[in-house]
Each structure stands twice: as structure tokens, then as C-alpha cells.
Protein backbone atom coordinates (compact mmCIF):
# COMPACT_ATOMS: atom_id res chain seq x y z
CA MET A 1 -5.94 9.08 72.24
CA ALA A 2 -6.51 11.84 69.73
CA ASN A 3 -2.77 12.10 69.09
CA GLU A 4 -2.58 8.36 68.48
CA THR A 5 -5.42 8.51 65.95
CA GLU A 6 -3.84 11.44 64.20
CA SER A 7 -0.54 9.58 64.02
CA LYS A 8 -2.16 6.49 62.43
CA THR A 9 -4.02 8.73 59.95
CA SER A 10 -0.72 10.41 59.03
CA ILE A 11 0.94 7.09 58.46
CA TRP A 12 -1.87 5.78 56.15
CA PHE A 13 -1.77 9.13 54.29
CA LYS A 14 1.98 8.83 53.66
CA LEU A 15 1.57 5.19 52.55
CA ALA A 16 -1.15 6.26 50.13
CA GLN A 17 1.04 8.98 48.73
CA ALA A 18 3.92 6.55 48.37
CA ALA A 19 1.65 4.08 46.57
CA ARG A 20 0.49 6.74 44.12
CA MET A 21 4.10 7.70 43.39
CA VAL A 22 5.07 4.11 42.75
CA PHE A 23 2.08 3.67 40.43
CA TRP A 24 3.01 6.72 38.34
CA LEU A 25 6.68 5.66 38.20
CA VAL A 26 5.72 2.19 37.01
CA LEU A 27 3.33 3.65 34.39
CA ILE A 28 5.97 6.06 33.07
CA SER A 29 8.52 3.22 32.96
CA VAL A 30 6.17 1.03 30.93
CA VAL A 31 5.45 3.80 28.44
CA LEU A 32 9.13 4.63 28.04
CA PHE A 33 9.93 0.95 27.53
CA GLN A 34 7.29 0.63 24.83
CA VAL A 35 8.54 3.73 23.04
CA PHE A 36 12.28 3.16 23.36
CA GLY A 37 13.12 -0.24 24.67
CA GLN A 38 11.24 -2.62 22.40
CA ARG A 39 11.73 -0.45 19.37
CA ASP A 40 15.49 -0.25 19.83
CA THR A 41 15.73 -4.04 20.04
CA THR A 42 13.55 -4.58 17.00
CA GLN A 43 15.48 -1.94 15.00
CA LYS A 44 18.82 -3.53 15.80
CA THR A 45 17.54 -6.84 14.49
CA ARG A 46 16.22 -5.13 11.37
CA ASP A 47 19.58 -3.39 10.83
CA ALA A 48 21.36 -6.71 11.09
CA ILE A 49 19.15 -8.27 8.44
CA PHE A 50 19.61 -5.19 6.24
CA ASP A 51 23.38 -5.49 6.55
CA ARG A 52 23.42 -9.23 5.66
CA PHE A 53 21.02 -8.64 2.72
CA GLN A 54 23.19 -5.78 1.32
CA THR A 55 26.39 -7.89 1.68
CA GLU A 56 24.75 -10.81 -0.13
CA ARG A 57 23.31 -8.65 -2.91
CA GLN A 58 26.15 -6.08 -3.11
CA SER A 59 23.45 -3.45 -3.38
CA ARG A 60 21.89 -0.53 -1.56
CA VAL A 61 18.79 -1.96 0.21
CA ILE A 62 15.93 0.44 0.97
CA ALA A 63 12.71 -0.58 2.69
CA LEU A 64 9.43 1.31 2.21
CA ILE A 65 7.04 -0.58 4.56
CA HIS A 66 3.70 0.75 5.76
CA ARG A 67 1.90 -1.20 8.48
CA GLN A 68 0.92 -0.70 12.11
CA GLU A 69 3.72 -1.18 14.60
CA SER A 70 3.09 -3.50 17.57
CA GLN A 71 4.97 -0.97 19.73
CA SER A 72 2.47 1.73 20.42
CA ILE A 73 1.71 4.36 23.13
CA LEU A 74 -1.21 3.11 25.27
CA GLY A 75 -2.37 0.78 22.50
CA VAL A 76 -2.90 3.45 19.86
CA GLN A 77 -1.69 2.61 16.32
CA VAL A 78 -1.71 4.89 13.25
CA SER A 79 -1.95 3.59 9.78
CA SER A 80 0.64 4.99 7.30
CA PHE A 81 0.99 5.58 3.60
CA ILE A 82 3.51 7.06 1.08
CA ASP A 83 3.96 10.71 1.98
CA ILE A 84 6.49 13.49 1.37
CA GLU A 85 8.67 12.44 4.29
CA ASP A 86 8.99 9.00 2.68
CA SER A 87 10.00 10.52 -0.67
CA GLU A 88 12.56 12.75 1.00
CA ALA A 89 14.09 9.80 2.84
CA VAL A 90 14.17 7.52 -0.28
CA LEU A 91 15.59 10.24 -2.43
CA ARG A 92 18.33 10.85 0.17
CA ALA A 93 19.19 7.17 0.17
CA ILE A 94 19.39 7.12 -3.62
CA ARG A 95 21.63 10.19 -3.68
CA LEU A 96 24.00 8.47 -1.28
CA THR A 97 24.21 5.42 -3.56
CA PRO A 98 27.05 5.32 -6.22
CA ASP A 99 25.60 5.56 -9.76
CA ASP A 100 26.58 2.06 -10.77
CA GLN A 101 25.56 0.29 -7.53
CA PRO A 102 22.31 -1.71 -7.72
CA ILE A 103 19.31 -0.61 -5.58
CA ASP A 104 16.98 -3.11 -4.00
CA LEU A 105 13.68 -1.60 -2.72
CA ILE A 106 11.50 -3.70 -0.45
CA LEU A 107 7.96 -2.38 -0.98
CA HIS A 108 4.90 -3.05 1.16
CA THR A 109 2.30 -0.25 0.97
CA PRO A 110 -1.36 0.54 0.22
CA GLY A 111 -0.21 3.61 -1.75
CA GLY A 112 -0.32 7.27 -0.86
CA LEU A 113 0.30 10.74 -2.33
CA VAL A 114 0.82 10.77 -6.07
CA LEU A 115 3.48 13.47 -5.89
CA ALA A 116 5.58 11.50 -3.37
CA ALA A 117 5.25 8.25 -5.37
CA GLU A 118 6.13 10.03 -8.60
CA GLN A 119 9.28 11.59 -7.04
CA ILE A 120 10.48 8.14 -5.86
CA ALA A 121 9.70 6.51 -9.22
CA LYS A 122 11.53 9.23 -11.18
CA ALA A 123 14.64 8.93 -9.00
CA LEU A 124 14.67 5.15 -9.35
CA ALA A 125 14.15 5.28 -13.12
CA GLU A 126 17.09 7.67 -13.55
CA HIS A 127 19.50 5.60 -11.42
CA LYS A 128 22.12 4.01 -13.62
CA GLY A 129 22.52 0.78 -11.63
CA LYS A 130 19.95 -2.00 -11.76
CA VAL A 131 16.86 -1.31 -9.69
CA THR A 132 14.99 -4.32 -8.27
CA VAL A 133 11.72 -3.97 -6.32
CA PHE A 134 10.71 -6.79 -3.94
CA ILE A 135 7.00 -7.13 -3.14
CA PRO A 136 6.34 -9.79 -0.48
CA HIS A 137 2.60 -9.05 -0.05
CA TYR A 138 1.24 -5.96 -1.87
CA ALA A 139 2.14 -2.66 -3.40
CA MET A 140 -1.04 -0.88 -4.44
CA SER A 141 -1.71 2.41 -6.20
CA GLY A 142 1.38 4.59 -5.60
CA GLY A 143 3.31 1.47 -4.68
CA THR A 144 2.64 0.06 -8.13
CA LEU A 145 3.69 3.38 -9.70
CA ILE A 146 7.04 3.06 -7.88
CA ALA A 147 7.46 -0.60 -8.91
CA LEU A 148 7.01 0.42 -12.61
CA ALA A 149 10.40 2.21 -12.41
CA ALA A 150 12.27 -1.05 -11.70
CA ALA A 151 14.15 -3.22 -14.15
CA GLU A 152 12.88 -6.24 -12.22
CA ILE A 153 9.87 -6.74 -9.93
CA VAL A 154 10.26 -9.74 -7.60
CA MET A 155 6.92 -10.81 -6.22
CA ASP A 156 5.73 -13.50 -3.87
CA ARG A 157 3.51 -15.93 -5.79
CA ASN A 158 0.49 -14.51 -3.97
CA ALA A 159 1.51 -10.84 -3.88
CA VAL A 160 -0.49 -8.27 -5.80
CA LEU A 161 -0.08 -4.85 -7.45
CA GLY A 162 -2.98 -2.45 -8.16
CA PRO A 163 -4.28 0.16 -10.64
CA VAL A 164 -2.81 3.69 -10.52
CA ASP A 165 -6.02 5.50 -11.53
CA PRO A 166 -6.03 8.95 -9.79
CA GLN A 167 -8.52 9.69 -6.98
CA ILE A 168 -10.08 13.09 -6.53
CA GLY A 169 -10.53 13.16 -2.77
CA ALA A 170 -12.00 9.71 -2.06
CA ILE A 171 -13.61 9.33 -5.45
CA ALA A 172 -12.09 7.74 -8.54
CA ALA A 173 -11.54 10.26 -11.38
CA SER A 174 -13.17 7.86 -13.83
CA SER A 175 -16.31 7.66 -11.71
CA ILE A 176 -16.60 11.46 -11.61
CA LEU A 177 -16.42 11.57 -15.40
CA LYS A 178 -19.01 8.83 -15.66
CA VAL A 179 -21.46 10.81 -13.54
CA VAL A 180 -21.03 13.86 -15.76
CA GLU A 181 -21.54 11.71 -18.81
CA ILE A 182 -24.88 10.43 -17.35
CA LYS A 183 -26.21 13.63 -15.92
CA LYS A 184 -24.79 16.00 -18.58
CA GLN A 185 -26.18 19.52 -18.10
CA THR A 186 -27.97 18.65 -14.83
CA ALA A 187 -24.67 18.02 -12.96
CA SER A 188 -23.80 20.53 -10.24
CA ASP A 189 -21.10 23.13 -10.57
CA GLU A 190 -19.01 21.25 -7.96
CA THR A 191 -19.28 17.97 -9.99
CA LEU A 192 -18.23 19.76 -13.15
CA ILE A 193 -15.24 21.28 -11.40
CA MET A 194 -14.26 17.88 -10.07
CA ALA A 195 -14.68 16.44 -13.61
CA ASP A 196 -12.28 19.05 -14.98
CA MET A 197 -9.72 18.02 -12.26
CA ALA A 198 -10.34 14.34 -13.08
CA VAL A 199 -9.54 14.85 -16.82
CA LYS A 200 -6.27 16.57 -15.93
CA ALA A 201 -5.34 14.02 -13.30
CA ARG A 202 -5.81 11.06 -15.60
CA ALA A 203 -3.78 12.71 -18.36
CA GLN A 204 -0.96 13.66 -15.99
CA VAL A 205 -0.69 10.19 -14.39
CA ALA A 206 -0.84 8.43 -17.80
CA SER A 207 1.84 10.71 -19.24
CA PHE A 208 4.14 10.12 -16.22
CA ILE A 209 3.73 6.34 -16.33
CA ALA A 210 4.48 6.33 -20.06
CA ASP A 211 7.68 8.32 -19.52
CA ILE A 212 8.78 5.88 -16.84
CA LEU A 213 8.02 2.78 -18.93
CA THR A 214 9.77 4.19 -22.01
CA LYS A 215 13.07 3.26 -20.30
CA ARG A 216 12.36 -0.43 -21.01
CA LEU A 217 9.42 -0.43 -23.47
CA PRO A 218 8.77 1.08 -26.94
CA ARG A 219 6.91 4.38 -26.58
CA LYS A 220 3.68 3.06 -28.14
CA LYS A 221 3.58 0.02 -25.82
CA ALA A 222 4.42 2.26 -22.83
CA GLU A 223 1.55 4.62 -23.60
CA GLU A 224 -0.92 1.72 -24.02
CA LEU A 225 0.03 0.19 -20.69
CA ALA A 226 -0.13 3.57 -19.04
CA VAL A 227 -3.70 4.09 -20.23
CA VAL A 228 -4.72 0.58 -19.06
CA LEU A 229 -3.41 1.24 -15.55
CA SER A 230 -4.71 4.79 -15.12
CA GLU A 231 -8.00 5.02 -16.97
CA GLY A 232 -10.14 3.46 -14.21
CA ARG A 233 -11.30 0.27 -15.88
CA TRP A 234 -11.03 -1.49 -12.48
CA THR A 235 -11.83 -0.40 -8.95
CA HIS A 236 -8.91 1.16 -7.15
CA ASP A 237 -8.38 -1.91 -4.93
CA PHE A 238 -8.44 -4.42 -7.86
CA PRO A 239 -5.61 -6.94 -7.36
CA ILE A 240 -3.20 -7.37 -10.23
CA THR A 241 -1.76 -10.85 -9.59
CA VAL A 242 1.58 -12.19 -10.71
CA GLN A 243 0.00 -13.84 -13.73
CA ALA A 244 -1.96 -10.71 -14.71
CA ALA A 245 1.12 -8.55 -14.21
CA ILE A 246 3.24 -10.75 -16.56
CA LYS A 247 0.48 -10.61 -19.23
CA LEU A 248 0.44 -6.82 -18.98
CA GLY A 249 4.16 -6.72 -19.63
CA PHE A 250 5.57 -6.12 -16.16
CA PRO A 251 9.11 -7.42 -15.65
CA VAL A 252 7.96 -9.80 -12.87
CA THR A 253 9.87 -12.80 -11.40
CA ILE A 254 9.03 -14.89 -8.28
CA ASN A 255 12.46 -15.73 -6.80
CA MET A 256 11.90 -13.94 -3.50
CA PRO A 257 14.95 -14.02 -1.17
CA ARG A 258 14.52 -15.44 2.31
CA ARG A 259 15.93 -12.23 3.82
CA VAL A 260 12.85 -10.27 2.65
CA TYR A 261 10.51 -12.61 4.57
CA GLU A 262 12.80 -12.36 7.65
CA LEU A 263 12.60 -8.58 7.50
CA MET A 264 8.80 -8.55 7.12
CA ASP A 265 8.55 -10.82 10.23
CA LEU A 266 9.90 -7.80 12.18
CA TYR A 267 7.12 -5.55 11.05
CA HIS A 268 4.20 -7.14 12.96
CA GLN A 269 0.71 -5.81 12.75
CA ALA A 270 -0.59 -4.56 16.12
CA ASN A 271 -1.90 -7.55 18.06
CA PRO A 272 -3.43 -6.56 21.36
CA ARG A 273 -6.01 -9.37 21.31
CA ARG A 274 -6.22 -13.01 20.41
CA PRO A 275 -4.94 -13.59 16.90
CA SER A 276 -7.49 -14.64 14.26
CA VAL A 277 -4.90 -16.67 12.35
CA ILE A 278 -2.83 -19.36 14.05
CA TYR A 279 -0.63 -22.08 12.67
CA VAL A 280 1.92 -24.55 14.12
CA PRO A 281 5.56 -23.78 13.27
CA MET A 282 7.38 -26.59 11.44
CA ARG A 283 10.62 -27.14 9.61
CA SER A 284 10.24 -27.15 5.85
CA ALA A 285 11.47 -30.32 4.15
CA GLY A 286 12.58 -28.40 1.06
CA PRO A 287 12.60 -25.06 -0.67
CA VAL A 288 9.27 -23.19 -0.74
CA LYS A 289 7.95 -22.49 -4.22
CA GLY A 290 8.84 -18.98 -5.32
CA ASP A 291 11.56 -18.61 -2.74
CA ALA A 292 15.27 -18.18 -3.52
CA GLU A 293 16.10 -19.85 -0.22
CA THR A 294 14.15 -21.89 2.25
CA PRO A 295 12.38 -19.41 4.53
CA LYS A 296 12.33 -19.74 8.29
CA VAL A 297 8.70 -20.36 9.31
CA VAL A 298 7.67 -18.08 12.14
CA PRO A 299 4.27 -18.22 13.81
CA GLN A 300 2.24 -15.13 13.03
CA GLY A 301 -1.02 -13.71 14.16
CA ALA A 302 -3.10 -11.15 12.33
CA SER A 303 -5.20 -8.94 14.51
CA ARG A 304 -8.88 -8.47 13.76
């Protein structure tokens, strides 16, 4: 009787061990599929659209797109911005492009490091072929700085640019100088040090923008626009619309190619829960305003 009981216990123990092994194998398989499987499929589709777009435009197409990927490990997404790795990759792509070949840059970013944005902008400004920047949704801060290097900025009718006023840490340089102006001698040593950095940062950014703009604008006009964008007259997230950009003298058009929208559809925001925006797909009866071609309408959901 005791042997029979021990035998049954041994069988259940082995079954439990096997169940645990199956569980871990399934979990590892799911994680590996998220990391490699879905990403590979999505990247192949992106590459196909890139290839078609380059063939149609006879240009070098580069995408600088910052948003959360829906493919994540255990549901964890990391927000991204323009950094040194981005500037290295873009500069490499520009070096591999023949001097007279046009460059098309698809830009979707909240901004990032000033140094990285300036490196990209300088390389684009010095390229001999025509440089076109496409902005389907937004290109704020450092993204706007990069866009200023283009001969043409193609924006969706509702896309926005932003000011390029420097930030010292998380504080606008202009706000630091305003505090010193108000408090004068009662300001702390730390505030005075930050104010000194703020003065230098504003001068450096304004000078760089003016140099970039001089390629297509008279020097005086370039310096005036550089001051407007960098002095801090607006908050850092102030949206510069298509109409405002044209008034400021940006070389903006609104003939956005359909391929750009198709590519952006493949950069979904992470959506682990019910989407907060839902619409019914339908076939457009004619061309959409501001589009070079009729875009394919794809249902989208924006996560909360």
C-alpha cells in the first residue's frame, strides 16, 4: 500500500515538473516572438515601402521617427528622442548618398539633444542635392532645427513645428534669465550660474540657426528668424502651425505623399488596452486635401 502511494506521488510530481517546463518554454517562446518575430515582419513591410518611395522619388529616403513600439518585452515601452546614436546613423546615411542625389527625410520627433540635432542639420545643409523634410504629425524643438536645413518642408495640414529655445536641464533658458531679472542681487549662486549658461546657450543656438538659414535667406533675415525661434517668446511646446510657419518664412508645402502615411501606419503607439480613438474604415471618394495621392485609410487606435 505504501509503495502504491509513493508511486502515485512520484507520477504527480513528474507531471508537475513537466507542466512547469512547458510553462517556461511557452513563456520564452512568446517573448522571443515579440522581440524577433513581429519586429521582423513589420521591418520587412517598412523596407518595402522605403524601397517603393525611393524608386518613385529617385532619392535617398531616411526616416527619423520617435514613438513607442507596439512590440515590447513584457509590455514595457521606452519613449525615445534625438540622441547621438541617431545623429551617427543619419550622418552615415548622408555620407553614403551621392552628392547630387536628393535626400528625403521623414521626421516625427519631440526633439532631443541639441548637439545631435545640430550635427544632422549641418550635414543636411551641406548636402549638394535637394533636401526635403516630410512632417506628417510633428517635429518639435530639435526636430524643427533639423527641418530648417531643408530646401522644402512638406507638412500635413495639421502638422506642427516648435520653438528651438534652449533648455537648461528642464527649465527654459529664457525663464532662468527672467528670474534673475526679477530677483537681481537676491538670486542664489546656482541661479546665477544657470543664467550664465542660459545666455551662452541662447547665443549659440541663434548663431547656429542663422548659419543654417543663410543658405536660402539673406543674412539679416536669417538672424531675425533665428532670434524669434530661440529667444523663448513662447513656451517650448508651442505649436507652430503650417500657416504660422509660412508667415515666418519657412519653405513649407502641404503635398504629403501617400507613402509617408503608409510608413507611419507601421509605427504604432503601444496599445495594450482599449483604444481611446476609434473610427470606421472607408474608401475615400477622392483625393484628401494636402495629399499628393489618395491615402489608404487604416483604422488606428491611440492608447491612453
